[in-house]
Amino acid sequence: MCPNWDTPKWTKRNLGRNMTYMEQTETLSEQLGVALKQVMLERHMGQDELAKAVDVSRRTMNRILNGDVTVTYDRLTRMATALHTRLSTIIQRAEALASKEGEEQ
């Protein structure tokens, strides 16, 4: 049986659901960036130093910290190691920021 090419794969309902997920992902990436910045301040580590330790460009590190890109588990682990912090601590901070933001809305 041939697929019906006239039926749109993205219905209005599905598109709305996916947009909500994408917006949520953006927010979580931003909160992760804020949590990373907090730890960096506590550890007196700048963007350049962390970027070098994680072996990424300063631009990439900036995009991570601003929540413009999704970070892989491997890269997050390397960042936590460079910051002498447990990854779970960074994630907990990001989750706390997420719940705080959810309460404000």
PDB file of N, CA and C in Angstrom:
ATOM      1  N   MET A   1       0.841  -1.176   0.000  1.00  0.00           N
ATOM      2  CA  MET A   1       0.000   0.000   0.000  1.00  0.00           C
ATOM      3  C   MET A   1       0.885   1.237   0.000  1.00  0.00           C
ATOM      4  N   CYS A   2       0.601   2.175  -0.862  1.00  0.00           N
ATOM      5  CA  CYS A   2       1.385   3.409  -0.971  1.00  0.00           C
ATOM      6  C   CYS A   2       0.954   4.399   0.099  1.00  0.00           C
ATOM      7  N   PRO A   3       1.897   5.162   0.612  1.00  0.00           N
ATOM      8  CA  PRO A   3       1.517   6.183   1.588  1.00  0.00           C
ATOM      9  C   PRO A   3       0.704   7.276   0.922  1.00  0.00           C
ATOM     10  N   ASN A   4      -0.148   7.890   1.662  1.00  0.00           N
ATOM     11  CA  ASN A   4      -0.951   8.992   1.147  1.00  0.00           C
ATOM     12  C   ASN A   4      -0.132  10.270   1.273  1.00  0.00           C
ATOM     13  N   TRP A   5       0.407  10.736   0.160  1.00  0.00           N
ATOM     14  CA  TRP A   5       1.282  11.907   0.167  1.00  0.00           C
ATOM     15  C   TRP A   5       0.518  13.197   0.406  1.00  0.00           C
ATOM     16  N   ASP A   6      -0.805  13.138   0.286  1.00  0.00           N
ATOM     17  CA  ASP A   6      -1.608  14.344   0.484  1.00  0.00           C
ATOM     18  C   ASP A   6      -1.873  14.622   1.962  1.00  0.00           C
ATOM     19  N   THR A   7      -1.652  13.633   2.812  1.00  0.00           N
ATOM     20  CA  THR A   7      -1.901  13.822   4.236  1.00  0.00           C
ATOM     21  C   THR A   7      -0.675  14.460   4.874  1.00  0.00           C
ATOM     22  N   PRO A   8      -0.838  15.632   5.460  1.00  0.00           N
ATOM     23  CA  PRO A   8       0.330  16.285   6.061  1.00  0.00           C
ATOM     24  C   PRO A   8       0.811  15.520   7.290  1.00  0.00           C
ATOM     25  N   LYS A   9       2.104  15.360   7.377  1.00  0.00           N
ATOM     26  CA  LYS A   9       2.685  14.673   8.525  1.00  0.00           C
ATOM     27  C   LYS A   9       2.577  15.554   9.767  1.00  0.00           C
ATOM     28  N   TRP A  10       2.716  16.862   9.590  1.00  0.00           N
ATOM     29  CA  TRP A  10       2.662  17.797  10.709  1.00  0.00           C
ATOM     30  C   TRP A  10       1.287  18.428  10.783  1.00  0.00           C
ATOM     31  N   THR A  11       0.446  17.891  11.606  1.00  0.00           N
ATOM     32  CA  THR A  11      -0.845  18.525  11.822  1.00  0.00           C
ATOM     33  C   THR A  11      -0.643  19.698  12.764  1.00  0.00           C
ATOM     34  N   LYS A  12      -1.617  20.568  12.839  1.00  0.00           N
ATOM     35  CA  LYS A  12      -1.509  21.735  13.715  1.00  0.00           C
ATOM     36  C   LYS A  12      -1.296  21.288  15.160  1.00  0.00           C
ATOM     37  N   ARG A  13      -1.973  20.249  15.557  1.00  0.00           N
ATOM     38  CA  ARG A  13      -1.847  19.742  16.927  1.00  0.00           C
ATOM     39  C   ARG A  13      -0.432  19.232  17.193  1.00  0.00           C
ATOM     40  N   ASN A  14       0.105  18.427  16.261  1.00  0.00           N
ATOM     41  CA  ASN A  14       1.459  17.897  16.434  1.00  0.00           C
ATOM     42  C   ASN A  14       2.496  19.003  16.417  1.00  0.00           C
ATOM     43  N   LEU A  15       2.328  19.974  15.544  1.00  0.00           N
ATOM     44  CA  LEU A  15       3.277  21.075  15.459  1.00  0.00           C
ATOM     45  C   LEU A  15       3.300  21.848  16.763  1.00  0.00           C
ATOM     46  N   GLY A  16       2.147  22.099  17.335  1.00  0.00           N
ATOM     47  CA  GLY A  16       2.076  22.805  18.609  1.00  0.00           C
ATOM     48  C   GLY A  16       2.770  22.038  19.712  1.00  0.00           C
ATOM     49  N   ARG A  17       2.579  20.739  19.729  1.00  0.00           N
ATOM     50  CA  ARG A  17       3.214  19.906  20.747  1.00  0.00           C
ATOM     51  C   ARG A  17       4.732  19.930  20.579  1.00  0.00           C
ATOM     52  N   ASN A  18       5.212  19.844  19.339  1.00  0.00           N
ATOM     53  CA  ASN A  18       6.650  19.862  19.093  1.00  0.00           C
ATOM     54  C   ASN A  18       7.255  21.222  19.396  1.00  0.00           C
ATOM     55  N   MET A  19       6.543  22.294  19.107  1.00  0.00           N
ATOM     56  CA  MET A  19       7.047  23.624  19.417  1.00  0.00           C
ATOM     57  C   MET A  19       7.193  23.780  20.923  1.00  0.00           C
ATOM     58  N   THR A  20       6.238  23.269  21.669  1.00  0.00           N
ATOM     59  CA  THR A  20       6.323  23.352  23.121  1.00  0.00           C
ATOM     60  C   THR A  20       7.553  22.596  23.606  1.00  0.00           C
ATOM     61  N   TYR A  21       7.809  21.426  23.054  1.00  0.00           N
ATOM     62  CA  TYR A  21       8.982  20.647  23.441  1.00  0.00           C
ATOM     63  C   TYR A  21      10.257  21.402  23.091  1.00  0.00           C
ATOM     64  N   MET A  22      10.301  22.002  21.893  1.00  0.00           N
ATOM     65  CA  MET A  22      11.488  22.744  21.481  1.00  0.00           C
ATOM     66  C   MET A  22      11.716  23.946  22.383  1.00  0.00           C
ATOM     67  N   GLU A  23      10.651  24.646  22.728  1.00  0.00           N
ATOM     68  CA  GLU A  23      10.779  25.789  23.629  1.00  0.00           C
ATOM     69  C   GLU A  23      11.260  25.332  25.000  1.00  0.00           C
ATOM     70  N   GLN A  24      10.751  24.210  25.459  1.00  0.00           N
ATOM     71  CA  GLN A  24      11.150  23.678  26.759  1.00  0.00           C
ATOM     72  C   GLN A  24      12.627  23.297  26.733  1.00  0.00           C
ATOM     73  N   THR A  25      13.077  22.684  25.646  1.00  0.00           N
ATOM     74  CA  THR A  25      14.477  22.300  25.517  1.00  0.00           C
ATOM     75  C   THR A  25      15.371  23.523  25.542  1.00  0.00           C
ATOM     76  N   GLU A  26      14.958  24.592  24.850  1.00  0.00           N
ATOM     77  CA  GLU A  26      15.729  25.835  24.871  1.00  0.00           C
ATOM     78  C   GLU A  26      15.874  26.339  26.294  1.00  0.00           C
ATOM     79  N   THR A  27      14.787  26.356  27.025  1.00  0.00           N
ATOM     80  CA  THR A  27      14.804  26.852  28.392  1.00  0.00           C
ATOM     81  C   THR A  27      15.722  26.002  29.264  1.00  0.00           C
ATOM     82  N   LEU A  28      15.670  24.694  29.113  1.00  0.00           N
ATOM     83  CA  LEU A  28      16.522  23.812  29.905  1.00  0.00           C
ATOM     84  C   LEU A  28      17.993  24.037  29.576  1.00  0.00           C
ATOM     85  N   SER A  29      18.307  24.254  28.307  1.00  0.00           N
ATOM     86  CA  SER A  29      19.689  24.534  27.917  1.00  0.00           C
ATOM     87  C   SER A  29      20.168  25.837  28.534  1.00  0.00           C
ATOM     88  N   GLU A  30      19.285  26.834  28.572  1.00  0.00           N
ATOM     89  CA  GLU A  30      19.642  28.114  29.185  1.00  0.00           C
ATOM     90  C   GLU A  30      19.884  27.942  30.681  1.00  0.00           C
ATOM     91  N   GLN A  31      19.042  27.161  31.334  1.00  0.00           N
ATOM     92  CA  GLN A  31      19.190  26.940  32.777  1.00  0.00           C
ATOM     93  C   GLN A  31      20.468  26.166  33.085  1.00  0.00           C
ATOM     94  N   LEU A  32      20.811  25.236  32.224  1.00  0.00           N
ATOM     95  CA  LEU A  32      22.063  24.511  32.387  1.00  0.00           C
ATOM     96  C   LEU A  32      23.238  25.480  32.257  1.00  0.00           C
ATOM     97  N   GLY A  33      23.141  26.394  31.297  1.00  0.00           N
ATOM     98  CA  GLY A  33      24.186  27.406  31.131  1.00  0.00           C
ATOM     99  C   GLY A  33      24.340  28.277  32.363  1.00  0.00           C
ATOM    100  N   VAL A  34      23.224  28.678  32.959  1.00  0.00           N
ATOM    101  CA  VAL A  34      23.267  29.495  34.180  1.00  0.00           C
ATOM    102  C   VAL A  34      23.914  28.700  35.312  1.00  0.00           C
ATOM    103  N   ALA A  35      23.545  27.440  35.447  1.00  0.00           N
ATOM    104  CA  ALA A  35      24.127  26.593  36.494  1.00  0.00           C
ATOM    105  C   ALA A  35      25.637  26.454  36.297  1.00  0.00           C
ATOM    106  N   LEU A  36      26.059  26.278  35.051  1.00  0.00           N
ATOM    107  CA  LEU A  36      27.493  26.180  34.769  1.00  0.00           C
ATOM    108  C   LEU A  36      28.209  27.483  35.116  1.00  0.00           C
ATOM    109  N   LYS A  37      27.595  28.606  34.787  1.00  0.00           N
ATOM    110  CA  LYS A  37      28.199  29.910  35.104  1.00  0.00           C
ATOM    111  C   LYS A  37      28.348  30.091  36.614  1.00  0.00           C
ATOM    112  N   GLN A  38      27.358  29.641  37.373  1.00  0.00           N
ATOM    113  CA  GLN A  38      27.433  29.748  38.833  1.00  0.00           C
ATOM    114  C   GLN A  38      28.637  28.973  39.375  1.00  0.00           C
ATOM    115  N   VAL A  39      28.807  27.750  38.871  1.00  0.00           N
ATOM    116  CA  VAL A  39      29.929  26.926  39.329  1.00  0.00           C
ATOM    117  C   VAL A  39      31.253  27.550  38.886  1.00  0.00           C
ATOM    118  N   MET A  40      31.287  28.079  37.678  1.00  0.00           N
ATOM    119  CA  MET A  40      32.507  28.732  37.199  1.00  0.00           C
ATOM    120  C   MET A  40      32.901  29.889  38.110  1.00  0.00           C
ATOM    121  N   LEU A  41      31.918  30.683  38.524  1.00  0.00           N
ATOM    122  CA  LEU A  41      32.203  31.800  39.431  1.00  0.00           C
ATOM    123  C   LEU A  41      32.762  31.299  40.759  1.00  0.00           C
ATOM    124  N   GLU A  42      32.157  30.262  41.292  1.00  0.00           N
ATOM    125  CA  GLU A  42      32.622  29.697  42.564  1.00  0.00           C
ATOM    126  C   GLU A  42      34.039  29.148  42.465  1.00  0.00           C
ATOM    127  N   ARG A  43      34.372  28.616  41.302  1.00  0.00           N
ATOM    128  CA  ARG A  43      35.691  28.010  41.094  1.00  0.00           C
ATOM    129  C   ARG A  43      36.699  29.011  40.521  1.00  0.00           C
ATOM    130  N   HIS A  44      36.258  30.240  40.328  1.00  0.00           N
ATOM    131  CA  HIS A  44      37.120  31.295  39.763  1.00  0.00           C
ATOM    132  C   HIS A  44      37.719  30.863  38.424  1.00  0.00           C
ATOM    133  N   MET A  45      36.863  30.301  37.573  1.00  0.00           N
ATOM    134  CA  MET A  45      37.303  29.837  36.266  1.00  0.00           C
ATOM    135  C   MET A  45      36.563  30.600  35.184  1.00  0.00           C
ATOM    136  N   GLY A  46      37.300  31.132  34.237  1.00  0.00           N
ATOM    137  CA  GLY A  46      36.705  31.882  33.143  1.00  0.00           C
ATOM    138  C   GLY A  46      36.353  30.994  31.966  1.00  0.00           C
ATOM    139  N   GLN A  47      35.650  31.593  31.006  1.00  0.00           N
ATOM    140  CA  GLN A  47      35.238  30.868  29.801  1.00  0.00           C
ATOM    141  C   GLN A  47      36.427  30.299  29.048  1.00  0.00           C
ATOM    142  N   ASP A  48      37.457  31.116  28.869  1.00  0.00           N
ATOM    143  CA  ASP A  48      38.624  30.671  28.104  1.00  0.00           C
ATOM    144  C   ASP A  48      39.282  29.455  28.750  1.00  0.00           C
ATOM    145  N   GLU A  49      39.426  29.517  30.052  1.00  0.00           N
ATOM    146  CA  GLU A  49      40.073  28.423  30.779  1.00  0.00           C
ATOM    147  C   GLU A  49      39.247  27.138  30.690  1.00  0.00           C
ATOM    148  N   LEU A  50      37.930  27.261  30.849  1.00  0.00           N
ATOM    149  CA  LEU A  50      37.068  26.082  30.759  1.00  0.00           C
ATOM    150  C   LEU A  50      37.049  25.536  29.339  1.00  0.00           C
ATOM    151  N   ALA A  51      36.985  26.420  28.360  1.00  0.00           N
ATOM    152  CA  ALA A  51      36.991  25.983  26.959  1.00  0.00           C
ATOM    153  C   ALA A  51      38.261  25.193  26.651  1.00  0.00           C
ATOM    154  N   LYS A  52      39.382  25.695  27.124  1.00  0.00           N
ATOM    155  CA  LYS A  52      40.655  25.011  26.889  1.00  0.00           C
ATOM    156  C   LYS A  52      40.674  23.648  27.579  1.00  0.00           C
ATOM    157  N   ALA A  53      40.182  23.581  28.812  1.00  0.00           N
ATOM    158  CA  ALA A  53      40.163  22.320  29.565  1.00  0.00           C
ATOM    159  C   ALA A  53      39.259  21.277  28.913  1.00  0.00           C
ATOM    160  N   VAL A  54      38.185  21.744  28.278  1.00  0.00           N
ATOM    161  CA  VAL A  54      37.215  20.833  27.663  1.00  0.00           C
ATOM    162  C   VAL A  54      37.554  20.579  26.195  1.00  0.00           C
ATOM    163  N   ASP A  55      38.522  21.334  25.679  1.00  0.00           N
ATOM    164  CA  ASP A  55      38.976  21.213  24.291  1.00  0.00           C
ATOM    165  C   ASP A  55      37.897  21.622  23.286  1.00  0.00           C
ATOM    166  N   VAL A  56      37.307  22.797  23.549  1.00  0.00           N
ATOM    167  CA  VAL A  56      36.374  23.401  22.594  1.00  0.00           C
ATOM    168  C   VAL A  56      36.800  24.847  22.380  1.00  0.00           C
ATOM    169  N   SER A  57      36.293  25.446  21.326  1.00  0.00           N
ATOM    170  CA  SER A  57      36.618  26.849  21.075  1.00  0.00           C
ATOM    171  C   SER A  57      35.895  27.741  22.085  1.00  0.00           C
ATOM    172  N   ARG A  58      36.379  28.954  22.218  1.00  0.00           N
ATOM    173  CA  ARG A  58      35.735  29.907  23.118  1.00  0.00           C
ATOM    174  C   ARG A  58      34.312  30.186  22.637  1.00  0.00           C
ATOM    175  N   ARG A  59      34.137  30.243  21.326  1.00  0.00           N
ATOM    176  CA  ARG A  59      32.811  30.498  20.753  1.00  0.00           C
ATOM    177  C   ARG A  59      31.835  29.378  21.129  1.00  0.00           C
ATOM    178  N   THR A  60      32.286  28.142  21.008  1.00  0.00           N
ATOM    179  CA  THR A  60      31.434  27.008  21.379  1.00  0.00           C
ATOM    180  C   THR A  60      31.088  27.065  22.858  1.00  0.00           C
ATOM    181  N   MET A  61      32.074  27.374  23.691  1.00  0.00           N
ATOM    182  CA  MET A  61      31.820  27.471  25.133  1.00  0.00           C
ATOM    183  C   MET A  61      30.805  28.574  25.410  1.00  0.00           C
ATOM    184  N   ASN A  62      30.935  29.691  24.723  1.00  0.00           N
ATOM    185  CA  ASN A  62      29.993  30.795  24.890  1.00  0.00           C
ATOM    186  C   ASN A  62      28.582  30.360  24.519  1.00  0.00           C
ATOM    187  N   ARG A  63      28.457  29.616  23.439  1.00  0.00           N
ATOM    188  CA  ARG A  63      27.143  29.140  22.997  1.00  0.00           C
ATOM    189  C   ARG A  63      26.554  28.149  23.996  1.00  0.00           C
ATOM    190  N   ILE A  64      27.392  27.319  24.594  1.00  0.00           N
ATOM    191  CA  ILE A  64      26.929  26.379  25.623  1.00  0.00           C
ATOM    192  C   ILE A  64      26.409  27.147  26.826  1.00  0.00           C
ATOM    193  N   LEU A  65      27.192  28.113  27.290  1.00  0.00           N
ATOM    194  CA  LEU A  65      26.832  28.867  28.490  1.00  0.00           C
ATOM    195  C   LEU A  65      25.601  29.745  28.285  1.00  0.00           C
ATOM    196  N   ASN A  66      25.340  30.129  27.042  1.00  0.00           N
ATOM    197  CA  ASN A  66      24.153  30.936  26.748  1.00  0.00           C
ATOM    198  C   ASN A  66      22.937  30.088  26.401  1.00  0.00           C
ATOM    199  N   GLY A  67      23.106  28.766  26.383  1.00  0.00           N
ATOM    200  CA  GLY A  67      21.985  27.877  26.095  1.00  0.00           C
ATOM    201  C   GLY A  67      21.620  27.817  24.630  1.00  0.00           C
ATOM    202  N   ASP A  68      22.567  28.184  23.764  1.00  0.00           N
ATOM    203  CA  ASP A  68      22.292  28.194  22.328  1.00  0.00           C
ATOM    204  C   ASP A  68      22.479  26.833  21.677  1.00  0.00           C
ATOM    205  N   VAL A  69      23.154  25.925  22.363  1.00  0.00           N
ATOM    206  CA  VAL A  69      23.374  24.582  21.822  1.00  0.00           C
ATOM    207  C   VAL A  69      23.058  23.544  22.893  1.00  0.00           C
ATOM    208  N   THR A  70      22.721  22.362  22.453  1.00  0.00           N
ATOM    209  CA  THR A  70      22.502  21.245  23.366  1.00  0.00           C
ATOM    210  C   THR A  70      23.855  20.590  23.620  1.00  0.00           C
ATOM    211  N   VAL A  71      24.134  20.288  24.857  1.00  0.00           N
ATOM    212  CA  VAL A  71      25.434  19.739  25.238  1.00  0.00           C
ATOM    213  C   VAL A  71      25.327  18.228  25.392  1.00  0.00           C
ATOM    214  N   THR A  72      26.325  17.523  24.892  1.00  0.00           N
ATOM    215  CA  THR A  72      26.339  16.066  25.038  1.00  0.00           C
ATOM    216  C   THR A  72      26.722  15.679  26.464  1.00  0.00           C
ATOM    217  N   TYR A  73      26.376  14.477  26.835  1.00  0.00           N
ATOM    218  CA  TYR A  73      26.729  13.953  28.157  1.00  0.00           C
ATOM    219  C   TYR A  73      28.250  13.935  28.326  1.00  0.00           C
ATOM    220  N   ASP A  74      28.945  13.521  27.291  1.00  0.00           N
ATOM    221  CA  ASP A  74      30.404  13.454  27.340  1.00  0.00           C
ATOM    222  C   ASP A  74      31.003  14.830  27.627  1.00  0.00           C
ATOM    223  N   ARG A  75      30.519  15.825  26.932  1.00  0.00           N
ATOM    224  CA  ARG A  75      31.049  17.179  27.122  1.00  0.00           C
ATOM    225  C   ARG A  75      30.690  17.717  28.506  1.00  0.00           C
ATOM    226  N   LEU A  76      29.475  17.442  28.955  1.00  0.00           N
ATOM    227  CA  LEU A  76      29.079  17.873  30.302  1.00  0.00           C
ATOM    228  C   LEU A  76      29.967  17.233  31.364  1.00  0.00           C
ATOM    229  N   THR A  77      30.283  15.969  31.170  1.00  0.00           N
ATOM    230  CA  THR A  77      31.145  15.265  32.113  1.00  0.00           C
ATOM    231  C   THR A  77      32.533  15.893  32.142  1.00  0.00           C
ATOM    232  N   ARG A  78      33.063  16.221  30.960  1.00  0.00           N
ATOM    233  CA  ARG A  78      34.376  16.870  30.900  1.00  0.00           C
ATOM    234  C   ARG A  78      34.347  18.239  31.566  1.00  0.00           C
ATOM    235  N   MET A  79      33.241  18.966  31.394  1.00  0.00           N
ATOM    236  CA  MET A  79      33.116  20.280  32.027  1.00  0.00           C
ATOM    237  C   MET A  79      33.083  20.141  33.546  1.00  0.00           C
ATOM    238  N   ALA A  80      32.307  19.197  34.037  1.00  0.00           N
ATOM    239  CA  ALA A  80      32.221  18.979  35.484  1.00  0.00           C
ATOM    240  C   ALA A  80      33.586  18.602  36.052  1.00  0.00           C
ATOM    241  N   THR A  81      34.307  17.749  35.351  1.00  0.00           N
ATOM    242  CA  THR A  81      35.643  17.349  35.796  1.00  0.00           C
ATOM    243  C   THR A  81      36.578  18.552  35.847  1.00  0.00           C
ATOM    244  N   ALA A  82      36.549  19.377  34.806  1.00  0.00           N
ATOM    245  CA  ALA A  82      37.402  20.567  34.762  1.00  0.00           C
ATOM    246  C   ALA A  82      37.050  21.544  35.879  1.00  0.00           C
ATOM    247  N   LEU A  83      35.770  21.564  36.264  1.00  0.00           N
ATOM    248  CA  LEU A  83      35.311  22.463  37.327  1.00  0.00           C
ATOM    249  C   LEU A  83      35.441  21.836  38.721  1.00  0.00           C
ATOM    250  N   HIS A  84      35.964  20.610  38.778  1.00  0.00           N
ATOM    251  CA  HIS A  84      36.112  19.887  40.053  1.00  0.00           C
ATOM    252  C   HIS A  84      34.782  19.835  40.801  1.00  0.00           C
ATOM    253  N   THR A  85      33.742  19.509  40.035  1.00  0.00           N
ATOM    254  CA  THR A  85      32.379  19.450  40.563  1.00  0.00           C
ATOM    255  C   THR A  85      31.704  18.198  40.023  1.00  0.00           C
ATOM    256  N   ARG A  86      30.839  17.618  40.808  1.00  0.00           N
ATOM    257  CA  ARG A  86      30.070  16.468  40.326  1.00  0.00           C
ATOM    258  C   ARG A  86      29.053  16.947  39.294  1.00  0.00           C
ATOM    259  N   LEU A  87      28.871  16.145  38.270  1.00  0.00           N
ATOM    260  CA  LEU A  87      27.881  16.474  37.249  1.00  0.00           C
ATOM    261  C   LEU A  87      26.495  16.580  37.870  1.00  0.00           C
ATOM    262  N   SER A  88      26.201  15.731  38.826  1.00  0.00           N
ATOM    263  CA  SER A  88      24.884  15.756  39.469  1.00  0.00           C
ATOM    264  C   SER A  88      24.620  17.100  40.152  1.00  0.00           C
ATOM    265  N   THR A  89      25.657  17.736  40.665  1.00  0.00           N
ATOM    266  CA  THR A  89      25.503  19.050  41.298  1.00  0.00           C
ATOM    267  C   THR A  89      25.060  20.090  40.274  1.00  0.00           C
ATOM    268  N   ILE A  90      25.673  20.046  39.101  1.00  0.00           N
ATOM    269  CA  ILE A  90      25.317  20.996  38.037  1.00  0.00           C
ATOM    270  C   ILE A  90      23.883  20.755  37.584  1.00  0.00           C
ATOM    271  N   ILE A  91      23.524  19.486  37.401  1.00  0.00           N
ATOM    272  CA  ILE A  91      22.168  19.140  36.967  1.00  0.00           C
ATOM    273  C   ILE A  91      21.146  19.566  38.018  1.00  0.00           C
ATOM    274  N   GLN A  92      21.441  19.341  39.284  1.00  0.00           N
ATOM    275  CA  GLN A  92      20.523  19.748  40.358  1.00  0.00           C
ATOM    276  C   GLN A  92      20.294  21.256  40.346  1.00  0.00           C
ATOM    277  N   ARG A  93      21.347  22.004  40.104  1.00  0.00           N
ATOM    278  CA  ARG A  93      21.193  23.463  40.034  1.00  0.00           C
ATOM    279  C   ARG A  93      20.299  23.863  38.865  1.00  0.00           C
ATOM    280  N   ALA A  94      20.523  23.231  37.725  1.00  0.00           N
ATOM    281  CA  ALA A  94      19.697  23.534  36.553  1.00  0.00           C
ATOM    282  C   ALA A  94      18.236  23.173  36.822  1.00  0.00           C
ATOM    283  N   GLU A  95      18.000  22.045  37.479  1.00  0.00           N
ATOM    284  CA  GLU A  95      16.634  21.638  37.817  1.00  0.00           C
ATOM    285  C   GLU A  95      15.997  22.608  38.802  1.00  0.00           C
ATOM    286  N   ALA A  96      16.771  23.092  39.755  1.00  0.00           N
ATOM    287  CA  ALA A  96      16.249  24.069  40.719  1.00  0.00           C
ATOM    288  C   ALA A  96      15.850  25.358  40.006  1.00  0.00           C
ATOM    289  N   LEU A  97      16.657  25.770  39.050  1.00  0.00           N
ATOM    290  CA  LEU A  97      16.319  26.962  38.265  1.00  0.00           C
ATOM    291  C   LEU A  97      15.045  26.730  37.460  1.00  0.00           C
ATOM    292  N   ALA A  98      14.904  25.511  36.907  1.00  0.00           N
ATOM    293  CA  ALA A  98      13.716  25.178  36.115  1.00  0.00           C
ATOM    294  C   ALA A  98      12.465  25.214  36.975  1.00  0.00           C
ATOM    295  N   SER A  99      12.544  24.651  38.180  1.00  0.00           N
ATOM    296  CA  SER A  99      11.358  24.640  39.040  1.00  0.00           C
ATOM    297  C   SER A  99      11.034  26.042  39.529  1.00  0.00           C
ATOM    298  N   LYS A 100      12.047  26.844  39.773  1.00  0.00           N
ATOM    299  CA  LYS A 100      11.825  28.228  40.197  1.00  0.00           C
ATOM    300  C   LYS A 100      11.136  29.018  39.083  1.00  0.00           C
ATOM    301  N   GLU A 101      11.587  28.791  37.847  1.00  0.00           N
ATOM    302  CA  GLU A 101      10.980  29.484  36.711  1.00  0.00           C
ATOM    303  C   GLU A 101       9.551  29.014  36.503  1.00  0.00           C
ATOM    304  N   GLY A 102       9.300  27.713  36.718  1.00  0.00           N
ATOM    305  CA  GLY A 102       7.951  27.172  36.577  1.00  0.00           C
ATOM    306  C   GLY A 102       6.988  27.759  37.584  1.00  0.00           C
ATOM    307  N   GLU A 103       7.469  28.048  38.774  1.00  0.00           N
ATOM    308  CA  GLU A 103       6.628  28.650  39.814  1.00  0.00           C
ATOM    309  C   GLU A 103       6.256  30.084  39.473  1.00  0.00           C
ATOM    310  N   GLU A 104       7.138  30.780  38.770  1.00  0.00           N
ATOM    311  CA  GLU A 104       6.889  32.177  38.420  1.00  0.00           C
ATOM    312  C   GLU A 104       5.840  32.312  37.331  1.00  0.00           C
ATOM    313  N   GLN A 105       5.657  31.254  36.543  1.00  0.00           N
ATOM    314  CA  GLN A 105       4.715  31.350  35.416  1.00  0.00           C
ATOM    315  C   GLN A 105       3.326  31.007  35.808  1.00  0.00           C
TER     316      GLN A 105
END
